[in-house]
N, C-alpha and C. Protein backbone atom coordinates (compact mmCIF):
# COMPACT_ATOMS: atom_id res chain seq x y z
N MET A 1 124.93 174.35 137.44
CA MET A 1 124.14 174.37 136.22
C MET A 1 123.61 175.79 136.02
N LYS A 2 123.79 176.29 134.81
CA LYS A 2 123.36 177.65 134.50
C LYS A 2 121.85 177.72 134.40
N ASP A 3 121.31 178.86 134.78
CA ASP A 3 119.87 179.09 134.65
C ASP A 3 119.63 179.83 133.34
N TYR A 4 119.30 179.07 132.31
CA TYR A 4 119.11 179.65 130.98
C TYR A 4 117.90 180.57 130.91
N TYR A 5 116.91 180.31 131.72
CA TYR A 5 115.74 181.19 131.75
C TYR A 5 116.13 182.58 132.26
N ALA A 6 116.98 182.61 133.27
CA ALA A 6 117.44 183.90 133.80
C ALA A 6 118.34 184.63 132.81
N ILE A 7 119.15 183.87 132.08
CA ILE A 7 120.01 184.50 131.08
C ILE A 7 119.18 185.18 130.00
N LEU A 8 118.10 184.51 129.56
CA LEU A 8 117.22 185.11 128.55
C LEU A 8 116.18 186.03 129.15
N GLU A 9 116.16 186.14 130.48
CA GLU A 9 115.25 187.04 131.20
C GLU A 9 113.78 186.73 130.89
N ILE A 10 113.43 185.44 130.97
CA ILE A 10 112.06 185.00 130.69
C ILE A 10 111.61 184.05 131.80
N PRO A 11 110.29 183.92 132.00
CA PRO A 11 109.80 182.94 132.98
C PRO A 11 109.89 181.52 132.42
N ARG A 12 109.82 180.55 133.30
CA ARG A 12 109.93 179.14 132.89
C ARG A 12 108.74 178.67 132.06
N THR A 13 107.66 179.39 132.11
CA THR A 13 106.46 179.00 131.38
C THR A 13 106.38 179.65 130.00
N SER A 14 107.46 180.21 129.52
CA SER A 14 107.46 180.92 128.23
C SER A 14 107.22 179.95 127.07
N SER A 15 106.56 180.47 126.05
CA SER A 15 106.32 179.68 124.84
C SER A 15 107.56 179.77 123.95
N ASP A 16 107.54 178.98 122.87
CA ASP A 16 108.65 179.00 121.92
C ASP A 16 108.82 180.38 121.29
N ASN A 17 107.71 181.04 120.96
CA ASN A 17 107.79 182.36 120.35
C ASN A 17 108.36 183.40 121.32
N GLU A 18 108.01 183.29 122.59
CA GLU A 18 108.55 184.22 123.59
C GLU A 18 110.05 184.01 123.79
N ILE A 19 110.48 182.76 123.73
CA ILE A 19 111.92 182.46 123.85
C ILE A 19 112.67 183.05 122.66
N LYS A 20 112.12 182.85 121.47
CA LYS A 20 112.77 183.38 120.27
C LYS A 20 112.83 184.91 120.30
N HIS A 21 111.75 185.53 120.73
CA HIS A 21 111.70 186.99 120.82
C HIS A 21 112.73 187.52 121.82
N ALA A 22 112.82 186.88 122.99
CA ALA A 22 113.78 187.30 124.01
C ALA A 22 115.21 187.10 123.52
N TYR A 23 115.45 186.00 122.82
CA TYR A 23 116.79 185.74 122.28
C TYR A 23 117.19 186.82 121.28
N ARG A 24 116.32 187.12 120.35
CA ARG A 24 116.65 188.12 119.33
C ARG A 24 116.88 189.51 119.94
N LYS A 25 116.05 189.84 120.92
CA LYS A 25 116.19 191.14 121.58
C LYS A 25 117.54 191.26 122.29
N LEU A 26 117.90 190.21 123.06
CA LEU A 26 119.15 190.24 123.81
C LEU A 26 120.38 190.07 122.91
N ALA A 27 120.24 189.27 121.85
CA ALA A 27 121.35 189.10 120.92
C ALA A 27 121.66 190.41 120.22
N PHE A 28 120.64 191.15 119.86
CA PHE A 28 120.85 192.46 119.24
C PHE A 28 121.48 193.44 120.23
N LYS A 29 121.00 193.38 121.47
CA LYS A 29 121.49 194.31 122.49
C LYS A 29 122.96 194.05 122.84
N TYR A 30 123.35 192.77 122.94
CA TYR A 30 124.70 192.42 123.38
C TYR A 30 125.62 191.98 122.25
N HIS A 31 125.27 192.23 121.02
CA HIS A 31 126.16 191.87 119.92
C HIS A 31 127.44 192.70 120.05
N PRO A 32 128.60 192.06 119.88
CA PRO A 32 129.87 192.79 120.05
C PRO A 32 130.01 194.01 119.13
N ASP A 33 129.44 193.96 117.95
CA ASP A 33 129.54 195.10 117.04
C ASP A 33 128.70 196.29 117.50
N LYS A 34 127.68 196.03 118.31
CA LYS A 34 126.81 197.10 118.80
C LYS A 34 127.32 197.75 120.08
N ASN A 35 128.41 197.21 120.64
CA ASN A 35 128.95 197.71 121.91
C ASN A 35 130.42 198.09 121.76
N PRO A 36 130.70 199.18 121.09
CA PRO A 36 132.11 199.57 120.94
C PRO A 36 132.72 199.95 122.29
N GLY A 37 133.93 199.48 122.50
CA GLY A 37 134.61 199.76 123.77
C GLY A 37 134.35 198.70 124.82
N GLN A 38 133.32 197.89 124.64
CA GLN A 38 132.99 196.83 125.60
C GLN A 38 132.85 195.50 124.88
N GLU A 39 133.70 195.28 123.90
CA GLU A 39 133.58 194.07 123.07
C GLU A 39 133.75 192.79 123.88
N LYS A 40 134.68 192.80 124.82
CA LYS A 40 134.95 191.58 125.60
C LYS A 40 133.74 191.16 126.43
N GLU A 41 133.16 192.09 127.19
CA GLU A 41 132.00 191.78 128.03
C GLU A 41 130.79 191.42 127.16
N ALA A 42 130.62 192.16 126.07
CA ALA A 42 129.49 191.90 125.19
C ALA A 42 129.63 190.52 124.53
N GLU A 43 130.85 190.15 124.18
CA GLU A 43 131.07 188.85 123.55
C GLU A 43 130.74 187.71 124.51
N GLU A 44 131.16 187.85 125.77
CA GLU A 44 130.85 186.82 126.78
C GLU A 44 129.34 186.69 126.98
N LYS A 45 128.67 187.81 127.12
CA LYS A 45 127.21 187.80 127.31
C LYS A 45 126.52 187.23 126.06
N PHE A 46 127.02 187.59 124.88
CA PHE A 46 126.46 187.09 123.63
C PHE A 46 126.60 185.57 123.53
N LYS A 47 127.74 185.03 123.98
CA LYS A 47 127.94 183.57 123.98
C LYS A 47 126.98 182.89 124.95
N GLU A 48 126.78 183.48 126.13
CA GLU A 48 125.82 182.92 127.09
C GLU A 48 124.41 182.90 126.52
N ILE A 49 124.03 183.97 125.86
CA ILE A 49 122.69 184.07 125.27
C ILE A 49 122.52 183.01 124.18
N ASN A 50 123.53 182.82 123.35
CA ASN A 50 123.46 181.80 122.30
C ASN A 50 123.36 180.40 122.89
N GLU A 51 124.13 180.14 123.95
CA GLU A 51 124.07 178.83 124.60
C GLU A 51 122.68 178.58 125.18
N ALA A 52 122.13 179.60 125.82
CA ALA A 52 120.79 179.46 126.40
C ALA A 52 119.75 179.20 125.31
N TYR A 53 119.87 179.90 124.20
CA TYR A 53 118.90 179.71 123.12
C TYR A 53 119.06 178.35 122.45
N ARG A 54 120.29 177.84 122.34
CA ARG A 54 120.49 176.51 121.77
C ARG A 54 119.77 175.44 122.58
N VAL A 55 119.73 175.62 123.89
CA VAL A 55 119.06 174.63 124.74
C VAL A 55 117.55 174.87 124.78
N LEU A 56 117.14 176.10 125.04
CA LEU A 56 115.71 176.38 125.21
C LEU A 56 114.97 176.47 123.88
N GLY A 57 115.67 176.73 122.79
CA GLY A 57 115.02 176.84 121.49
C GLY A 57 114.65 175.50 120.89
N ASP A 58 115.32 174.43 121.31
CA ASP A 58 115.03 173.08 120.83
C ASP A 58 114.12 172.39 121.84
N PRO A 59 112.92 171.96 121.44
CA PRO A 59 111.98 171.37 122.41
C PRO A 59 112.53 170.15 123.15
N ALA A 60 113.28 169.29 122.48
CA ALA A 60 113.81 168.09 123.15
C ALA A 60 114.88 168.48 124.18
N LYS A 61 115.77 169.39 123.79
CA LYS A 61 116.81 169.83 124.74
C LYS A 61 116.19 170.58 125.91
N ARG A 62 115.13 171.34 125.63
CA ARG A 62 114.46 172.08 126.71
C ARG A 62 113.81 171.13 127.71
N ARG A 63 113.18 170.05 127.21
CA ARG A 63 112.59 169.05 128.10
C ARG A 63 113.66 168.42 128.99
N ASN A 64 114.79 168.04 128.38
CA ASN A 64 115.87 167.45 129.17
C ASN A 64 116.42 168.42 130.20
N TYR A 65 116.57 169.67 129.80
CA TYR A 65 117.07 170.70 130.73
C TYR A 65 116.10 170.89 131.90
N ASP A 66 114.81 170.99 131.60
CA ASP A 66 113.82 171.16 132.67
C ASP A 66 113.80 169.95 133.60
N LEU A 67 113.96 168.75 133.04
CA LEU A 67 113.98 167.54 133.85
C LEU A 67 115.21 167.53 134.76
N GLU A 68 116.37 167.89 134.21
CA GLU A 68 117.58 167.94 135.03
C GLU A 68 117.45 168.98 136.13
N ARG A 69 116.89 170.13 135.82
CA ARG A 69 116.71 171.18 136.83
C ARG A 69 115.77 170.71 137.94
N SER A 70 114.71 169.99 137.58
CA SER A 70 113.77 169.53 138.61
C SER A 70 114.41 168.46 139.48
N GLN A 71 115.27 167.62 138.91
CA GLN A 71 115.94 166.57 139.68
C GLN A 71 117.05 167.14 140.55
N LEU A 72 117.59 168.28 140.16
CA LEU A 72 118.71 168.88 140.87
C LEU A 72 118.34 169.30 142.28
N PHE A 73 117.13 169.75 142.49
CA PHE A 73 116.73 170.29 143.79
C PHE A 73 115.84 169.34 144.59
N ARG A 74 115.70 168.09 144.14
CA ARG A 74 114.93 167.12 144.91
C ARG A 74 115.77 166.60 146.06
N PRO A 75 115.16 166.37 147.21
CA PRO A 75 115.94 165.81 148.31
C PRO A 75 116.34 164.38 147.99
N MET A 76 117.54 164.02 148.40
CA MET A 76 118.01 162.66 148.14
C MET A 76 117.34 161.70 149.11
N THR A 77 116.93 160.56 148.60
CA THR A 77 116.33 159.55 149.44
C THR A 77 117.30 158.40 149.59
N PRO A 78 117.36 157.80 150.76
CA PRO A 78 118.26 156.67 150.93
C PRO A 78 117.80 155.48 150.09
N ILE A 79 118.73 154.79 149.52
CA ILE A 79 118.40 153.68 148.63
C ILE A 79 118.24 152.38 149.40
N PHE A 80 119.16 152.10 150.32
CA PHE A 80 119.16 150.80 150.96
C PHE A 80 118.42 150.76 152.29
N ASN A 81 118.92 151.48 153.26
CA ASN A 81 118.37 151.39 154.59
C ASN A 81 118.26 152.77 155.20
N PRO A 82 117.04 153.32 155.27
CA PRO A 82 116.90 154.68 155.78
C PRO A 82 117.25 154.83 157.25
N GLY A 83 117.23 153.75 158.02
CA GLY A 83 117.50 153.84 159.44
C GLY A 83 118.95 153.63 159.82
N TYR A 84 119.82 153.36 158.84
CA TYR A 84 121.21 153.10 159.15
C TYR A 84 121.83 154.29 159.86
N PRO A 85 122.57 154.18 160.89
CA PRO A 85 123.16 153.00 161.51
C PRO A 85 122.34 152.43 162.66
N PHE A 86 121.10 152.87 162.81
CA PHE A 86 120.30 152.45 163.97
C PHE A 86 119.54 151.15 163.75
N THR A 87 119.49 150.68 162.52
CA THR A 87 118.86 149.39 162.24
C THR A 87 119.84 148.53 161.49
N THR A 88 119.53 147.25 161.39
CA THR A 88 120.42 146.34 160.66
C THR A 88 119.72 145.84 159.41
N TYR A 89 120.50 145.42 158.46
CA TYR A 89 119.94 144.85 157.24
C TYR A 89 119.41 143.46 157.54
N PRO A 90 118.40 143.03 156.80
CA PRO A 90 117.91 141.66 157.02
C PRO A 90 118.97 140.64 156.60
N PHE A 91 119.00 139.54 157.29
CA PHE A 91 119.89 138.42 157.02
C PHE A 91 121.36 138.78 157.16
N THR A 92 121.68 139.70 158.01
CA THR A 92 123.08 139.98 158.31
C THR A 92 123.26 139.88 159.81
N THR A 93 124.44 139.59 160.19
CA THR A 93 124.76 139.50 161.60
C THR A 93 126.19 139.95 161.82
N SER A 94 126.52 140.30 163.01
CA SER A 94 127.88 140.70 163.31
C SER A 94 128.73 139.46 163.50
N VAL A 95 129.91 139.48 162.93
CA VAL A 95 130.83 138.36 163.06
C VAL A 95 132.13 138.91 163.62
N GLY A 96 132.71 138.21 164.54
CA GLY A 96 133.96 138.69 165.09
C GLY A 96 134.53 137.69 166.07
N VAL A 97 135.62 138.08 166.65
CA VAL A 97 136.29 137.23 167.62
C VAL A 97 136.01 137.80 169.00
N ASN A 98 135.53 136.95 169.91
CA ASN A 98 135.23 137.35 171.27
C ASN A 98 134.25 138.53 171.34
N GLY A 99 133.27 138.55 170.43
CA GLY A 99 132.23 139.56 170.46
C GLY A 99 132.60 140.88 169.81
N ILE A 100 133.78 140.97 169.19
CA ILE A 100 134.17 142.22 168.52
C ILE A 100 133.57 142.22 167.13
N ASN A 101 132.90 143.30 166.78
CA ASN A 101 132.20 143.39 165.50
C ASN A 101 133.19 143.73 164.39
N PHE A 102 133.26 142.87 163.36
CA PHE A 102 134.08 143.13 162.19
C PHE A 102 133.23 143.37 160.94
N GLY A 103 131.93 143.54 161.09
CA GLY A 103 131.08 143.79 159.93
C GLY A 103 130.08 142.67 159.75
N GLY A 104 129.14 142.85 158.84
CA GLY A 104 128.10 141.86 158.62
C GLY A 104 128.45 140.90 157.51
N THR A 105 127.91 139.69 157.60
CA THR A 105 128.04 138.71 156.52
C THR A 105 126.68 138.12 156.27
N ASN A 106 126.54 137.44 155.19
CA ASN A 106 125.29 136.79 154.84
C ASN A 106 125.09 135.59 155.74
N ILE A 107 123.92 135.48 156.35
CA ILE A 107 123.67 134.40 157.31
C ILE A 107 123.69 133.03 156.64
N ARG A 108 123.30 132.96 155.35
CA ARG A 108 123.36 131.68 154.64
C ARG A 108 124.81 131.25 154.47
N MET A 109 125.70 132.18 154.21
CA MET A 109 127.11 131.84 154.07
C MET A 109 127.64 131.29 155.40
N ARG A 110 127.25 131.88 156.49
CA ARG A 110 127.69 131.40 157.80
C ARG A 110 127.14 130.00 158.06
N PHE A 111 125.88 129.76 157.68
CA PHE A 111 125.27 128.45 157.92
C PHE A 111 126.02 127.37 157.15
N TYR A 112 126.30 127.62 155.89
CA TYR A 112 126.98 126.62 155.06
C TYR A 112 128.41 126.40 155.50
N THR A 113 129.10 127.43 155.97
CA THR A 113 130.49 127.23 156.38
C THR A 113 130.57 126.51 157.71
N TRP A 114 129.56 126.67 158.57
CA TRP A 114 129.59 125.98 159.87
C TRP A 114 129.12 124.54 159.77
N HIS A 115 128.28 124.21 158.81
CA HIS A 115 127.67 122.89 158.76
C HIS A 115 128.16 122.04 157.61
N THR A 116 129.27 122.36 157.00
CA THR A 116 129.76 121.52 155.92
C THR A 116 131.10 120.93 156.26
């Protein structure tokens, strides 16, 4: 994920006016017509600046971008069993032939199949 704040060279706490000012300054600086002989590099940089401003200039898109960035660097938490493989899930047991483990099954399923 691109860091649009770094592309526009602004801090994350910038206001809408600061974002607009930084965009206009960089767009003028890197416009392909203003950089003769370096049109290709200037065009690429100009496209990056426009993309960054499209996201950060719109308050809704900026909120979504900030939320995605904050979720990107959060540590992942286990959903089911944080102790796996050292603990077992509730209501599961090992099933197998002669004590060989073939995986867990639901204990209710085992009860009904043995007693019906």
